[in-house]
Amino acid sequence: GALAGVYYFHRVPKGFAGGELRLHAIAPAPDGQRAFTDIAPERDMLLLFPAWAPHEVRPVSCASGAFLDSRFAINCWYRYRWEDGR
């Protein structure tokens, strides 16, 4: 198995909009729709989720265009082995 990790950081006040992590449901709802949850990137936030889970990053906009007003993230993965060898 594997966990995905994303650490978000940005200057204060926040100079960008968007950039949410969208986590999609693994199975469709009874009505056939695919549910999802959007998680807004907050300063000094660490998110962990199963690496195999369907996900995407929503578009980011930065009105000023300044590098320091951007949304920054560090991604990492943690791989592990189950006791039965999976």
PDB file of N, CA and C in Angstrom:
ATOM      1  N   GLY A   1       0.812  -1.178   0.000  1.00  0.00           N
ATOM      2  CA  GLY A   1       0.000   0.000   0.000  1.00  0.00           C
ATOM      3  C   GLY A   1       0.861   1.249   0.000  1.00  0.00           C
ATOM      4  N   ALA A   2       0.226   2.346  -0.160  1.00  0.00           N
ATOM      5  CA  ALA A   2       0.943   3.622  -0.168  1.00  0.00           C
ATOM      6  C   ALA A   2       0.014   4.743   0.282  1.00  0.00           C
ATOM      7  N   LEU A   3       0.595   5.686   0.987  1.00  0.00           N
ATOM      8  CA  LEU A   3      -0.095   6.919   1.359  1.00  0.00           C
ATOM      9  C   LEU A   3       0.512   8.061   0.557  1.00  0.00           C
ATOM     10  N   ALA A   4      -0.336   8.966   0.108  1.00  0.00           N
ATOM     11  CA  ALA A   4       0.122  10.196  -0.525  1.00  0.00           C
ATOM     12  C   ALA A   4       0.027  11.299   0.514  1.00  0.00           C
ATOM     13  N   GLY A   5       0.988  12.178   0.509  1.00  0.00           N
ATOM     14  CA  GLY A   5       0.983  13.321   1.413  1.00  0.00           C
ATOM     15  C   GLY A   5       1.209  14.603   0.634  1.00  0.00           C
ATOM     16  N   VAL A   6       0.477  15.633   1.002  1.00  0.00           N
ATOM     17  CA  VAL A   6       0.653  16.949   0.390  1.00  0.00           C
ATOM     18  C   VAL A   6       0.732  17.968   1.517  1.00  0.00           C
ATOM     19  N   TYR A   7       1.817  18.732   1.515  1.00  0.00           N
ATOM     20  CA  TYR A   7       1.990  19.815   2.492  1.00  0.00           C
ATOM     21  C   TYR A   7       1.826  21.128   1.743  1.00  0.00           C
ATOM     22  N   TYR A   8       0.879  21.955   2.188  1.00  0.00           N
ATOM     23  CA  TYR A   8       0.602  23.242   1.553  1.00  0.00           C
ATOM     24  C   TYR A   8       1.198  24.382   2.372  1.00  0.00           C
ATOM     25  N   PHE A   9       1.721  25.376   1.658  1.00  0.00           N
ATOM     26  CA  PHE A   9       2.182  26.587   2.340  1.00  0.00           C
ATOM     27  C   PHE A   9       2.049  27.774   1.392  1.00  0.00           C
ATOM     28  N   HIS A  10       1.829  28.935   1.974  1.00  0.00           N
ATOM     29  CA  HIS A  10       1.711  30.170   1.202  1.00  0.00           C
ATOM     30  C   HIS A  10       1.886  31.354   2.143  1.00  0.00           C
ATOM     31  N   ARG A  11       2.091  32.495   1.547  1.00  0.00           N
ATOM     32  CA  ARG A  11       2.258  33.697   2.371  1.00  0.00           C
ATOM     33  C   ARG A  11       0.902  34.175   2.881  1.00  0.00           C
ATOM     34  N   VAL A  12       0.944  35.025   3.883  1.00  0.00           N
ATOM     35  CA  VAL A  12      -0.261  35.614   4.454  1.00  0.00           C
ATOM     36  C   VAL A  12      -0.182  37.118   4.211  1.00  0.00           C
ATOM     37  N   PRO A  13      -1.225  37.736   3.674  1.00  0.00           N
ATOM     38  CA  PRO A  13      -2.502  37.142   3.281  1.00  0.00           C
ATOM     39  C   PRO A  13      -2.352  36.314   2.002  1.00  0.00           C
ATOM     40  N   LYS A  14      -3.255  35.375   1.825  1.00  0.00           N
ATOM     41  CA  LYS A  14      -3.244  34.476   0.671  1.00  0.00           C
ATOM     42  C   LYS A  14      -3.438  35.287  -0.604  1.00  0.00           C
ATOM     43  N   GLY A  15      -2.573  35.052  -1.593  1.00  0.00           N
ATOM     44  CA  GLY A  15      -2.622  35.822  -2.840  1.00  0.00           C
ATOM     45  C   GLY A  15      -3.131  35.021  -4.029  1.00  0.00           C
ATOM     46  N   PHE A  16      -3.775  33.895  -3.798  1.00  0.00           N
ATOM     47  CA  PHE A  16      -4.258  33.051  -4.886  1.00  0.00           C
ATOM     48  C   PHE A  16      -5.674  32.579  -4.581  1.00  0.00           C
ATOM     49  N   ALA A  17      -6.292  32.024  -5.584  1.00  0.00           N
ATOM     50  CA  ALA A  17      -7.610  31.403  -5.413  1.00  0.00           C
ATOM     51  C   ALA A  17      -7.550  30.023  -6.056  1.00  0.00           C
ATOM     52  N   GLY A  18      -8.361  29.101  -5.555  1.00  0.00           N
ATOM     53  CA  GLY A  18      -8.421  27.764  -6.134  1.00  0.00           C
ATOM     54  C   GLY A  18      -7.370  26.837  -5.561  1.00  0.00           C
ATOM     55  N   GLY A  19      -7.033  25.808  -6.337  1.00  0.00           N
ATOM     56  CA  GLY A  19      -6.024  24.843  -5.926  1.00  0.00           C
ATOM     57  C   GLY A  19      -6.522  23.793  -4.953  1.00  0.00           C
ATOM     58  N   GLU A  20      -7.846  23.594  -4.868  1.00  0.00           N
ATOM     59  CA  GLU A  20      -8.391  22.601  -3.950  1.00  0.00           C
ATOM     60  C   GLU A  20      -7.976  21.189  -4.390  1.00  0.00           C
ATOM     61  N   LEU A  21      -7.798  20.323  -3.411  1.00  0.00           N
ATOM     62  CA  LEU A  21      -7.593  18.905  -3.686  1.00  0.00           C
ATOM     63  C   LEU A  21      -8.982  18.280  -3.745  1.00  0.00           C
ATOM     64  N   ARG A  22      -9.314  17.689  -4.874  1.00  0.00           N
ATOM     65  CA  ARG A  22     -10.617  17.043  -5.032  1.00  0.00           C
ATOM     66  C   ARG A  22     -10.416  15.535  -4.871  1.00  0.00           C
ATOM     67  N   LEU A  23     -11.046  14.972  -3.846  1.00  0.00           N
ATOM     68  CA  LEU A  23     -11.024  13.534  -3.620  1.00  0.00           C
ATOM     69  C   LEU A  23     -12.340  12.959  -4.133  1.00  0.00           C
ATOM     70  N   HIS A  24     -12.242  12.064  -5.094  1.00  0.00           N
ATOM     71  CA  HIS A  24     -13.430  11.451  -5.690  1.00  0.00           C
ATOM     72  C   HIS A  24     -13.828  10.204  -4.918  1.00  0.00           C
ATOM     73  N   ALA A  25     -15.126   9.953  -4.859  1.00  0.00           N
ATOM     74  CA  ALA A  25     -15.625   8.728  -4.231  1.00  0.00           C
ATOM     75  C   ALA A  25     -15.106   7.532  -5.016  1.00  0.00           C
ATOM     76  N   ILE A  26     -14.873   6.447  -4.323  1.00  0.00           N
ATOM     77  CA  ILE A  26     -14.351   5.247  -4.970  1.00  0.00           C
ATOM     78  C   ILE A  26     -15.435   4.561  -5.795  1.00  0.00           C
ATOM     79  N   ALA A  27     -16.644   4.593  -5.318  1.00  0.00           N
ATOM     80  CA  ALA A  27     -17.762   3.964  -6.041  1.00  0.00           C
ATOM     81  C   ALA A  27     -18.843   5.005  -6.300  1.00  0.00           C
ATOM     82  N   PRO A  28     -19.585   4.849  -7.391  1.00  0.00           N
ATOM     83  CA  PRO A  28     -20.662   5.797  -7.652  1.00  0.00           C
ATOM     84  C   PRO A  28     -21.785   5.669  -6.622  1.00  0.00           C
ATOM     85  N   ALA A  29     -22.497   6.759  -6.429  1.00  0.00           N
ATOM     86  CA  ALA A  29     -23.667   6.773  -5.543  1.00  0.00           C
ATOM     87  C   ALA A  29     -24.777   5.942  -6.201  1.00  0.00           C
ATOM     88  N   PRO A  30     -25.816   5.575  -5.432  1.00  0.00           N
ATOM     89  CA  PRO A  30     -26.923   4.784  -6.006  1.00  0.00           C
ATOM     90  C   PRO A  30     -27.552   5.423  -7.247  1.00  0.00           C
ATOM     91  N   ASP A  31     -27.515   6.753  -7.345  1.00  0.00           N
ATOM     92  CA  ASP A  31     -28.100   7.410  -8.520  1.00  0.00           C
ATOM     93  C   ASP A  31     -27.127   7.476  -9.700  1.00  0.00           C
ATOM     94  N   GLY A  32     -25.932   6.864  -9.545  1.00  0.00           N
ATOM     95  CA  GLY A  32     -24.954   6.826 -10.630  1.00  0.00           C
ATOM     96  C   GLY A  32     -23.993   7.999 -10.659  1.00  0.00           C
ATOM     97  N   GLN A  33     -24.237   8.997  -9.829  1.00  0.00           N
ATOM     98  CA  GLN A  33     -23.370  10.176  -9.791  1.00  0.00           C
ATOM     99  C   GLN A  33     -22.090   9.866  -9.021  1.00  0.00           C
ATOM    100  N   ARG A  34     -21.010  10.510  -9.401  1.00  0.00           N
ATOM    101  CA  ARG A  34     -19.744  10.376  -8.683  1.00  0.00           C
ATOM    102  C   ARG A  34     -19.620  11.518  -7.687  1.00  0.00           C
ATOM    103  N   ALA A  35     -19.618  11.179  -6.430  1.00  0.00           N
ATOM    104  CA  ALA A  35     -19.487  12.200  -5.384  1.00  0.00           C
ATOM    105  C   ALA A  35     -18.008  12.572  -5.227  1.00  0.00           C
ATOM    106  N   PHE A  36     -17.771  13.748  -4.687  1.00  0.00           N
ATOM    107  CA  PHE A  36     -16.402  14.189  -4.418  1.00  0.00           C
ATOM    108  C   PHE A  36     -16.409  15.154  -3.245  1.00  0.00           C
ATOM    109  N   THR A  37     -15.235  15.339  -2.684  1.00  0.00           N
ATOM    110  CA  THR A  37     -15.028  16.313  -1.616  1.00  0.00           C
ATOM    111  C   THR A  37     -13.865  17.207  -2.015  1.00  0.00           C
ATOM    112  N   ASP A  38     -14.062  18.521  -1.952  1.00  0.00           N
ATOM    113  CA  ASP A  38     -12.982  19.477  -2.209  1.00  0.00           C
ATOM    114  C   ASP A  38     -12.397  19.939  -0.885  1.00  0.00           C
ATOM    115  N   ILE A  39     -11.079  19.918  -0.791  1.00  0.00           N
ATOM    116  CA  ILE A  39     -10.378  20.378   0.411  1.00  0.00           C
ATOM    117  C   ILE A  39      -9.512  21.563   0.012  1.00  0.00           C
ATOM    118  N   ALA A  40      -9.836  22.735   0.583  1.00  0.00           N
ATOM    119  CA  ALA A  40      -9.103  23.959   0.259  1.00  0.00           C
ATOM    120  C   ALA A  40      -7.705  23.923   0.873  1.00  0.00           C
ATOM    121  N   PRO A  41      -6.692  24.373   0.125  1.00  0.00           N
ATOM    122  CA  PRO A  41      -5.327  24.397   0.653  1.00  0.00           C
ATOM    123  C   PRO A  41      -5.164  25.513   1.688  1.00  0.00           C
ATOM    124  N   GLU A  42      -4.939  25.148   2.914  1.00  0.00           N
ATOM    125  CA  GLU A  42      -4.728  26.121   3.984  1.00  0.00           C
ATOM    126  C   GLU A  42      -3.234  26.181   4.299  1.00  0.00           C
ATOM    127  N   ARG A  43      -2.820  27.283   4.852  1.00  0.00           N
ATOM    128  CA  ARG A  43      -1.408  27.465   5.203  1.00  0.00           C
ATOM    129  C   ARG A  43      -0.979  26.432   6.248  1.00  0.00           C
ATOM    130  N   ASP A  44       0.195  25.824   6.022  1.00  0.00           N
ATOM    131  CA  ASP A  44       0.776  24.817   6.918  1.00  0.00           C
ATOM    132  C   ASP A  44      -0.147  23.623   7.127  1.00  0.00           C
ATOM    133  N   MET A  45      -0.811  23.180   6.070  1.00  0.00           N
ATOM    134  CA  MET A  45      -1.709  22.022   6.130  1.00  0.00           C
ATOM    135  C   MET A  45      -1.014  20.809   5.524  1.00  0.00           C
ATOM    136  N   LEU A  46      -1.136  19.677   6.206  1.00  0.00           N
ATOM    137  CA  LEU A  46      -0.643  18.407   5.688  1.00  0.00           C
ATOM    138  C   LEU A  46      -1.842  17.492   5.497  1.00  0.00           C
ATOM    139  N   LEU A  47      -2.016  16.996   4.286  1.00  0.00           N
ATOM    140  CA  LEU A  47      -3.093  16.059   3.981  1.00  0.00           C
ATOM    141  C   LEU A  47      -2.487  14.697   3.661  1.00  0.00           C
ATOM    142  N   LEU A  48      -3.062  13.647   4.212  1.00  0.00           N
ATOM    143  CA  LEU A  48      -2.666  12.273   3.914  1.00  0.00           C
ATOM    144  C   LEU A  48      -3.884  11.529   3.410  1.00  0.00           C
ATOM    145  N   PHE A  49      -3.710  10.741   2.360  1.00  0.00           N
ATOM    146  CA  PHE A  49      -4.807   9.951   1.815  1.00  0.00           C
ATOM    147  C   PHE A  49      -4.218   8.768   1.058  1.00  0.00           C
ATOM    148  N   PRO A  50      -5.008   7.705   0.838  1.00  0.00           N
ATOM    149  CA  PRO A  50      -4.487   6.559   0.090  1.00  0.00           C
ATOM    150  C   PRO A  50      -4.060   6.988  -1.309  1.00  0.00           C
ATOM    151  N   ALA A  51      -2.853   6.633  -1.704  1.00  0.00           N
ATOM    152  CA  ALA A  51      -2.318   7.075  -2.995  1.00  0.00           C
ATOM    153  C   ALA A  51      -3.155   6.569  -4.168  1.00  0.00           C
ATOM    154  N   TRP A  52      -3.835   5.449  -3.992  1.00  0.00           N
ATOM    155  CA  TRP A  52      -4.639   4.882  -5.068  1.00  0.00           C
ATOM    156  C   TRP A  52      -6.012   5.540  -5.198  1.00  0.00           C
ATOM    157  N   ALA A  53      -6.383   6.381  -4.251  1.00  0.00           N
ATOM    158  CA  ALA A  53      -7.704   7.025  -4.288  1.00  0.00           C
ATOM    159  C   ALA A  53      -7.768   8.014  -5.457  1.00  0.00           C
ATOM    160  N   PRO A  54      -8.856   8.008  -6.222  1.00  0.00           N
ATOM    161  CA  PRO A  54      -8.988   8.956  -7.327  1.00  0.00           C
ATOM    162  C   PRO A  54      -8.987  10.395  -6.805  1.00  0.00           C
ATOM    163  N   HIS A  55      -8.116  11.228  -7.361  1.00  0.00           N
ATOM    164  CA  HIS A  55      -8.003  12.612  -6.896  1.00  0.00           C
ATOM    165  C   HIS A  55      -7.484  13.497  -8.020  1.00  0.00           C
ATOM    166  N   GLU A  56      -7.640  14.789  -7.823  1.00  0.00           N
ATOM    167  CA  GLU A  56      -7.131  15.786  -8.763  1.00  0.00           C
ATOM    168  C   GLU A  56      -6.927  17.091  -8.022  1.00  0.00           C
ATOM    169  N   VAL A  57      -6.139  17.977  -8.614  1.00  0.00           N
ATOM    170  CA  VAL A  57      -5.943  19.320  -8.066  1.00  0.00           C
ATOM    171  C   VAL A  57      -6.681  20.289  -8.978  1.00  0.00           C
ATOM    172  N   ARG A  58      -7.528  21.104  -8.387  1.00  0.00           N
ATOM    173  CA  ARG A  58      -8.309  22.077  -9.140  1.00  0.00           C
ATOM    174  C   ARG A  58      -7.414  23.239  -9.567  1.00  0.00           C
ATOM    175  N   PRO A  59      -7.797  23.956 -10.619  1.00  0.00           N
ATOM    176  CA  PRO A  59      -6.968  25.065 -11.119  1.00  0.00           C
ATOM    177  C   PRO A  59      -6.720  26.150 -10.062  1.00  0.00           C
ATOM    178  N   VAL A  60      -5.559  26.778 -10.179  1.00  0.00           N
ATOM    179  CA  VAL A  60      -5.149  27.868  -9.290  1.00  0.00           C
ATOM    180  C   VAL A  60      -5.062  29.140 -10.117  1.00  0.00           C
ATOM    181  N   SER A  61      -5.515  30.255  -9.549  1.00  0.00           N
ATOM    182  CA  SER A  61      -5.308  31.546 -10.203  1.00  0.00           C
ATOM    183  C   SER A  61      -4.639  32.489  -9.210  1.00  0.00           C
ATOM    184  N   CYS A  62      -3.774  33.324  -9.742  1.00  0.00           N
ATOM    185  CA  CYS A  62      -3.036  34.292  -8.921  1.00  0.00           C
ATOM    186  C   CYS A  62      -3.159  35.647  -9.608  1.00  0.00           C
ATOM    187  N   ALA A  63      -4.033  36.493  -9.072  1.00  0.00           N
ATOM    188  CA  ALA A  63      -4.346  37.775  -9.715  1.00  0.00           C
ATOM    189  C   ALA A  63      -3.121  38.650  -9.931  1.00  0.00           C
ATOM    190  N   SER A  64      -2.201  38.673  -8.966  1.00  0.00           N
ATOM    191  CA  SER A  64      -1.035  39.551  -9.083  1.00  0.00           C
ATOM    192  C   SER A  64       0.015  38.985 -10.037  1.00  0.00           C
ATOM    193  N   GLY A  65       0.024  37.676 -10.214  1.00  0.00           N
ATOM    194  CA  GLY A  65       1.054  37.053 -11.039  1.00  0.00           C
ATOM    195  C   GLY A  65       2.407  36.955 -10.351  1.00  0.00           C
ATOM    196  N   ALA A  66       2.495  37.432  -9.113  1.00  0.00           N
ATOM    197  CA  ALA A  66       3.764  37.419  -8.376  1.00  0.00           C
ATOM    198  C   ALA A  66       4.052  36.005  -7.858  1.00  0.00           C
ATOM    199  N   PHE A  67       5.278  35.560  -8.015  1.00  0.00           N
ATOM    200  CA  PHE A  67       5.679  34.231  -7.571  1.00  0.00           C
ATOM    201  C   PHE A  67       5.330  34.002  -6.102  1.00  0.00           C
ATOM    202  N   LEU A  68       5.609  34.968  -5.258  1.00  0.00           N
ATOM    203  CA  LEU A  68       5.380  34.792  -3.821  1.00  0.00           C
ATOM    204  C   LEU A  68       3.906  34.777  -3.433  1.00  0.00           C
ATOM    205  N   ASP A  69       3.024  35.137  -4.341  1.00  0.00           N
ATOM    206  CA  ASP A  69       1.583  35.058  -4.078  1.00  0.00           C
ATOM    207  C   ASP A  69       1.003  33.706  -4.474  1.00  0.00           C
ATOM    208  N   SER A  70       1.829  32.806  -4.960  1.00  0.00           N
ATOM    209  CA  SER A  70       1.371  31.502  -5.454  1.00  0.00           C
ATOM    210  C   SER A  70       1.047  30.533  -4.331  1.00  0.00           C
ATOM    211  N   ARG A  71       0.405  29.429  -4.702  1.00  0.00           N
ATOM    212  CA  ARG A  71       0.161  28.309  -3.792  1.00  0.00           C
ATOM    213  C   ARG A  71       1.320  27.345  -3.980  1.00  0.00           C
ATOM    214  N   PHE A  72       1.919  26.925  -2.876  1.00  0.00           N
ATOM    215  CA  PHE A  72       3.044  26.007  -2.926  1.00  0.00           C
ATOM    216  C   PHE A  72       2.652  24.698  -2.252  1.00  0.00           C
ATOM    217  N   ALA A  73       3.200  23.608  -2.754  1.00  0.00           N
ATOM    218  CA  ALA A  73       2.907  22.296  -2.182  1.00  0.00           C
ATOM    219  C   ALA A  73       4.127  21.398  -2.329  1.00  0.00           C
ATOM    220  N   ILE A  74       4.317  20.550  -1.344  1.00  0.00           N
ATOM    221  CA  ILE A  74       5.333  19.498  -1.401  1.00  0.00           C
ATOM    222  C   ILE A  74       4.583  18.175  -1.335  1.00  0.00           C
ATOM    223  N   ASN A  75       4.830  17.320  -2.305  1.00  0.00           N
ATOM    224  CA  ASN A  75       4.170  16.017  -2.361  1.00  0.00           C
ATOM    225  C   ASN A  75       5.147  14.934  -1.925  1.00  0.00           C
ATOM    226  N   CYS A  76       4.633  13.915  -1.280  1.00  0.00           N
ATOM    227  CA  CYS A  76       5.462  12.764  -0.925  1.00  0.00           C
ATOM    228  C   CYS A  76       4.589  11.525  -0.867  1.00  0.00           C
ATOM    229  N   TRP A  77       5.224  10.387  -0.923  1.00  0.00           N
ATOM    230  CA  TRP A  77       4.522   9.110  -0.849  1.00  0.00           C
ATOM    231  C   TRP A  77       5.214   8.240   0.181  1.00  0.00           C
ATOM    232  N   TYR A  78       4.430   7.501   0.913  1.00  0.00           N
ATOM    233  CA  TYR A  78       4.952   6.555   1.894  1.00  0.00           C
ATOM    234  C   TYR A  78       4.463   5.171   1.484  1.00  0.00           C
ATOM    235  N   ARG A  79       5.400   4.314   1.128  1.00  0.00           N
ATOM    236  CA  ARG A  79       5.046   2.946   0.745  1.00  0.00           C
ATOM    237  C   ARG A  79       5.260   2.028   1.931  1.00  0.00           C
ATOM    238  N   TYR A  80       4.372   1.094   2.084  1.00  0.00           N
ATOM    239  CA  TYR A  80       4.492   0.139   3.181  1.00  0.00           C
ATOM    240  C   TYR A  80       4.040  -1.233   2.703  1.00  0.00           C
ATOM    241  N   ARG A  81       4.441  -2.240   3.421  1.00  0.00           N
ATOM    242  CA  ARG A  81       4.100  -3.615   3.088  1.00  0.00           C
ATOM    243  C   ARG A  81       3.262  -4.199   4.206  1.00  0.00           C
ATOM    244  N   TRP A  82       2.175  -4.849   3.854  1.00  0.00           N
ATOM    245  CA  TRP A  82       1.344  -5.523   4.830  1.00  0.00           C
ATOM    246  C   TRP A  82       2.113  -6.738   5.363  1.00  0.00           C
ATOM    247  N   GLU A  83       1.767  -7.209   6.529  1.00  0.00           N
ATOM    248  CA  GLU A  83       2.457  -8.362   7.125  1.00  0.00           C
ATOM    249  C   GLU A  83       2.341  -9.614   6.272  1.00  0.00           C
ATOM    250  N   ASP A  84       1.266  -9.740   5.501  1.00  0.00           N
ATOM    251  CA  ASP A  84       1.114 -10.930   4.653  1.00  0.00           C
ATOM    252  C   ASP A  84       1.847 -10.787   3.315  1.00  0.00           C
ATOM    253  N   GLY A  85       2.654  -9.716   3.177  1.00  0.00           N
ATOM    254  CA  GLY A  85       3.493  -9.542   1.987  1.00  0.00           C
ATOM    255  C   GLY A  85       2.901  -8.742   0.860  1.00  0.00           C
ATOM    256  N   ARG A  86       1.679  -8.235   1.016  1.00  0.00           N
ATOM    257  CA  ARG A  86       1.079  -7.446  -0.065  1.00  0.00           C
ATOM    258  C   ARG A  86       1.823  -6.150  -0.264  1.00  0.00           C
TER     259      ARG A  86
END
